Amino acid sequence: MKWFVILALLCCVILTEAHSARRRRSDDCKAIGEDCDGIPKCCADLTCYWEDGISPFRDGVCVECIREGNTCQRDKQCCGQLACIKEKIYNVNGECREKLESGGHCHDGEDCKSGTCEREYMLSLHGKCA
């Protein structure tokens, strides 16, 4: 029984690695509307969008940018002057929203219209927009 379990796990690892290697070999970028997972990347300035947040188990779709109110991971994914606002600094996913007004709860200057997030202490995890 022990050998069977080891053999089954080994087969799973080998099949997973073979699948990953096939995906890595492709040098083509993904066009708008195509499924994406980061390998290969979306073409040019397109970004990979996951409706329910980034996931290693589901593909996203290549889009020009992520619209207001939708899930994002980085500011540069959001359309126009929107920012990827996260509730906690350690959250992977945020929401594309307008940059915060003075007094808004921020994690860095990119969250704020003023470009400045003032923290009470140097090691604070959050601050307020100036």
C-alpha atoms as a PDB file:
ATOM      1  CA  MET A   1       0.000   0.000   0.000  1.00  0.00           C
ATOM      2  CA  LYS A   2       2.840   2.372   0.906  1.00  0.00           C
ATOM      3  CA  TRP A   3       4.511   1.837  -2.484  1.00  0.00           C
ATOM      4  CA  PHE A   4       1.242   2.396  -4.295  1.00  0.00           C
ATOM      5  CA  VAL A   5       0.757   5.790  -2.625  1.00  0.00           C
ATOM      6  CA  ILE A   6       4.352   6.813  -3.399  1.00  0.00           C
ATOM      7  CA  LEU A   7       3.977   5.704  -7.027  1.00  0.00           C
ATOM      8  CA  ALA A   8       0.663   7.563  -7.394  1.00  0.00           C
ATOM      9  CA  LEU A   9       2.166  10.765  -5.972  1.00  0.00           C
ATOM     10  CA  LEU A  10       5.202  10.447  -8.229  1.00  0.00           C
ATOM     11  CA  CYS A  11       2.958  10.077 -11.290  1.00  0.00           C
ATOM     12  CA  CYS A  12       1.006  13.196 -10.284  1.00  0.00           C
ATOM     13  CA  VAL A  13       4.220  15.209  -9.927  1.00  0.00           C
ATOM     14  CA  ILE A  14       5.561  14.018 -13.293  1.00  0.00           C
ATOM     15  CA  LEU A  15       2.294  14.782 -15.122  1.00  0.00           C
ATOM     16  CA  THR A  16       2.014  18.219 -13.519  1.00  0.00           C
ATOM     17  CA  GLU A  17       5.605  19.085 -14.427  1.00  0.00           C
ATOM     18  CA  ALA A  18       5.136  17.885 -18.015  1.00  0.00           C
ATOM     19  CA  HIS A  19       2.026  20.054 -18.358  1.00  0.00           C
ATOM     20  CA  SER A  20       3.855  23.076 -16.908  1.00  0.00           C
ATOM     21  CA  ALA A  21       6.852  22.545 -19.204  1.00  0.00           C
ATOM     22  CA  ARG A  22       4.582  22.468 -22.275  1.00  0.00           C
ATOM     23  CA  ARG A  23       2.998  25.757 -21.235  1.00  0.00           C
ATOM     24  CA  ARG A  24       6.383  27.388 -20.566  1.00  0.00           C
ATOM     25  CA  ARG A  25       7.681  26.464 -24.028  1.00  0.00           C
ATOM     26  CA  SER A  26       5.216  28.728 -25.765  1.00  0.00           C
ATOM     27  CA  ASP A  27       6.800  32.101 -26.583  1.00  0.00           C
ATOM     28  CA  ASP A  28       3.594  33.517 -28.023  1.00  0.00           C
ATOM     29  CA  CYS A  29       1.846  36.223 -26.059  1.00  0.00           C
ATOM     30  CA  LYS A  30      -1.883  36.044 -25.444  1.00  0.00           C
ATOM     31  CA  ALA A  31      -4.225  38.380 -27.357  1.00  0.00           C
ATOM     32  CA  ILE A  32      -7.180  40.288 -25.942  1.00  0.00           C
ATOM     33  CA  GLY A  33      -9.961  37.912 -24.890  1.00  0.00           C
ATOM     34  CA  GLU A  34      -7.689  34.857 -24.686  1.00  0.00           C
ATOM     35  CA  ASP A  35      -7.302  32.809 -21.510  1.00  0.00           C
ATOM     36  CA  CYS A  36      -4.163  33.626 -19.524  1.00  0.00           C
ATOM     37  CA  ASP A  37      -2.323  32.527 -16.416  1.00  0.00           C
ATOM     38  CA  GLY A  38       0.869  34.552 -16.683  1.00  0.00           C
ATOM     39  CA  ILE A  39       2.789  32.078 -18.906  1.00  0.00           C
ATOM     40  CA  PRO A  40       2.958  33.278 -21.600  1.00  0.00           C
ATOM     41  CA  LYS A  41       2.038  36.841 -20.745  1.00  0.00           C
ATOM     42  CA  CYS A  42      -0.673  38.891 -22.393  1.00  0.00           C
ATOM     43  CA  CYS A  43       0.571  40.860 -25.433  1.00  0.00           C
ATOM     44  CA  ALA A  44       1.837  44.463 -25.244  1.00  0.00           C
ATOM     45  CA  ASP A  45       0.056  46.452 -22.526  1.00  0.00           C
ATOM     46  CA  LEU A  46      -2.727  43.927 -21.964  1.00  0.00           C
ATOM     47  CA  THR A  47      -3.199  42.527 -18.471  1.00  0.00           C
ATOM     48  CA  CYS A  48      -4.498  39.208 -17.168  1.00  0.00           C
ATOM     49  CA  TYR A  49      -7.803  39.658 -15.295  1.00  0.00           C
ATOM     50  CA  TRP A  50      -9.320  37.145 -12.870  1.00  0.00           C
ATOM     51  CA  GLU A  51     -12.924  38.041 -11.975  1.00  0.00           C
ATOM     52  CA  ASP A  52     -12.704  36.508  -8.491  1.00  0.00           C
ATOM     53  CA  GLY A  53      -9.034  37.346  -7.836  1.00  0.00           C
ATOM     54  CA  ILE A  54      -5.788  35.760  -8.988  1.00  0.00           C
ATOM     55  CA  SER A  55      -5.773  31.977  -8.796  1.00  0.00           C
ATOM     56  CA  PRO A  56      -3.341  29.191  -9.693  1.00  0.00           C
ATOM     57  CA  PHE A  57      -6.363  26.947 -10.341  1.00  0.00           C
ATOM     58  CA  ARG A  58      -8.280  29.096 -12.859  1.00  0.00           C
ATOM     59  CA  ASP A  59      -7.217  31.011 -15.936  1.00  0.00           C
ATOM     60  CA  GLY A  60      -7.903  34.693 -16.297  1.00  0.00           C
ATOM     61  CA  VAL A  61      -8.606  36.570 -19.521  1.00  0.00           C
ATOM     62  CA  CYS A  62      -6.425  39.160 -21.288  1.00  0.00           C
ATOM     63  CA  VAL A  63      -7.996  42.634 -21.184  1.00  0.00           C
ATOM     64  CA  GLU A  64      -6.826  46.160 -22.028  1.00  0.00           C
ATOM     65  CA  CYS A  65      -7.294  47.263 -18.430  1.00  0.00           C
ATOM     66  CA  ILE A  66      -9.439  46.505 -15.401  1.00  0.00           C
ATOM     67  CA  ARG A  67     -12.466  48.757 -14.963  1.00  0.00           C
ATOM     68  CA  GLU A  68     -13.627  50.484 -11.788  1.00  0.00           C
ATOM     69  CA  GLY A  69     -15.102  48.149  -9.173  1.00  0.00           C
ATOM     70  CA  ASN A  70     -13.349  45.032 -10.472  1.00  0.00           C
ATOM     71  CA  THR A  71     -10.673  42.900  -8.803  1.00  0.00           C
ATOM     72  CA  CYS A  72      -7.008  43.808  -9.383  1.00  0.00           C
ATOM     73  CA  GLN A  73      -3.558  43.014  -7.995  1.00  0.00           C
ATOM     74  CA  ARG A  74      -1.500  46.061  -9.131  1.00  0.00           C
ATOM     75  CA  ASP A  75      -2.215  49.717  -9.920  1.00  0.00           C
ATOM     76  CA  LYS A  76      -0.980  49.426 -13.514  1.00  0.00           C
ATOM     77  CA  GLN A  77      -3.760  46.921 -14.287  1.00  0.00           C
ATOM     78  CA  CYS A  78      -6.489  49.512 -13.632  1.00  0.00           C
ATOM     79  CA  CYS A  79      -7.922  51.761 -16.363  1.00  0.00           C
ATOM     80  CA  GLY A  80      -6.919  55.422 -16.568  1.00  0.00           C
ATOM     81  CA  GLN A  81      -6.127  57.081 -13.258  1.00  0.00           C
ATOM     82  CA  LEU A  82      -7.728  54.363 -11.125  1.00  0.00           C
ATOM     83  CA  ALA A  83      -5.673  52.659  -8.415  1.00  0.00           C
ATOM     84  CA  CYS A  84      -5.778  49.107  -7.062  1.00  0.00           C
ATOM     85  CA  ILE A  85      -6.989  49.859  -3.530  1.00  0.00           C
ATOM     86  CA  LYS A  86      -6.500  47.028  -1.012  1.00  0.00           C
ATOM     87  CA  GLU A  87      -8.184  46.779   2.377  1.00  0.00           C
ATOM     88  CA  LYS A  88      -5.028  45.423   4.021  1.00  0.00           C
ATOM     89  CA  ILE A  89      -1.450  45.904   2.841  1.00  0.00           C
ATOM     90  CA  TYR A  90      -0.881  42.135   2.791  1.00  0.00           C
ATOM     91  CA  ASN A  91      -3.931  41.416   0.583  1.00  0.00           C
ATOM     92  CA  VAL A  92      -3.063  40.115  -2.878  1.00  0.00           C
ATOM     93  CA  ASN A  93      -6.324  41.303  -4.425  1.00  0.00           C
ATOM     94  CA  GLY A  94      -7.793  44.772  -4.335  1.00  0.00           C
ATOM     95  CA  GLU A  95     -10.386  46.760  -6.264  1.00  0.00           C
ATOM     96  CA  CYS A  96      -9.847  49.318  -9.029  1.00  0.00           C
ATOM     97  CA  ARG A  97     -11.186  52.600  -7.625  1.00  0.00           C
ATOM     98  CA  GLU A  98     -10.629  56.335  -7.765  1.00  0.00           C
ATOM     99  CA  LYS A  99      -7.585  57.418  -5.793  1.00  0.00           C
ATOM    100  CA  LEU A 100      -8.387  58.420  -2.221  1.00  0.00           C
ATOM    101  CA  GLU A 101      -9.108  61.958  -1.055  1.00  0.00           C
ATOM    102  CA  SER A 102      -7.298  63.635   1.840  1.00  0.00           C
ATOM    103  CA  GLY A 103      -7.885  61.664   5.052  1.00  0.00           C
ATOM    104  CA  GLY A 104      -8.531  58.382   3.217  1.00  0.00           C
ATOM    105  CA  HIS A 105      -7.068  55.157   4.661  1.00  0.00           C
ATOM    106  CA  CYS A 106      -3.990  54.322   2.531  1.00  0.00           C
ATOM    107  CA  HIS A 107      -1.029  51.939   2.316  1.00  0.00           C
ATOM    108  CA  ASP A 108       1.202  53.959  -0.008  1.00  0.00           C
ATOM    109  CA  GLY A 109       1.207  57.219  -1.949  1.00  0.00           C
ATOM    110  CA  GLU A 110      -0.174  55.516  -5.073  1.00  0.00           C
ATOM    111  CA  ASP A 111      -3.494  55.119  -3.223  1.00  0.00           C
ATOM    112  CA  CYS A 112      -3.874  58.901  -2.775  1.00  0.00           C
ATOM    113  CA  LYS A 113      -4.818  61.735  -5.156  1.00  0.00           C
ATOM    114  CA  SER A 114      -2.135  63.843  -3.451  1.00  0.00           C
ATOM    115  CA  GLY A 115       0.467  61.112  -3.985  1.00  0.00           C
ATOM    116  CA  THR A 116       1.301  61.135  -0.261  1.00  0.00           C
ATOM    117  CA  CYS A 117       0.301  58.579   2.371  1.00  0.00           C
ATOM    118  CA  GLU A 118       1.304  59.884   5.801  1.00  0.00           C
ATOM    119  CA  ARG A 119       2.063  57.226   8.384  1.00  0.00           C
ATOM    120  CA  GLU A 120       2.168  57.877  12.101  1.00  0.00           C
ATOM    121  CA  TYR A 121       5.156  55.565  12.516  1.00  0.00           C
ATOM    122  CA  MET A 122       7.720  54.489   9.941  1.00  0.00           C
ATOM    123  CA  LEU A 123       6.727  50.815  10.259  1.00  0.00           C
ATOM    124  CA  SER A 124       2.947  51.432  10.268  1.00  0.00           C
ATOM    125  CA  LEU A 125       1.017  49.221   7.863  1.00  0.00           C
ATOM    126  CA  HIS A 126      -1.331  52.055   6.899  1.00  0.00           C
ATOM    127  CA  GLY A 127      -1.703  55.799   7.034  1.00  0.00           C
ATOM    128  CA  LYS A 128      -3.921  58.666   5.855  1.00  0.00           C
ATOM    129  CA  CYS A 129      -3.801  60.491   2.554  1.00  0.00           C
ATOM    130  CA  ALA A 130      -2.371  64.009   2.861  1.00  0.00           C
END
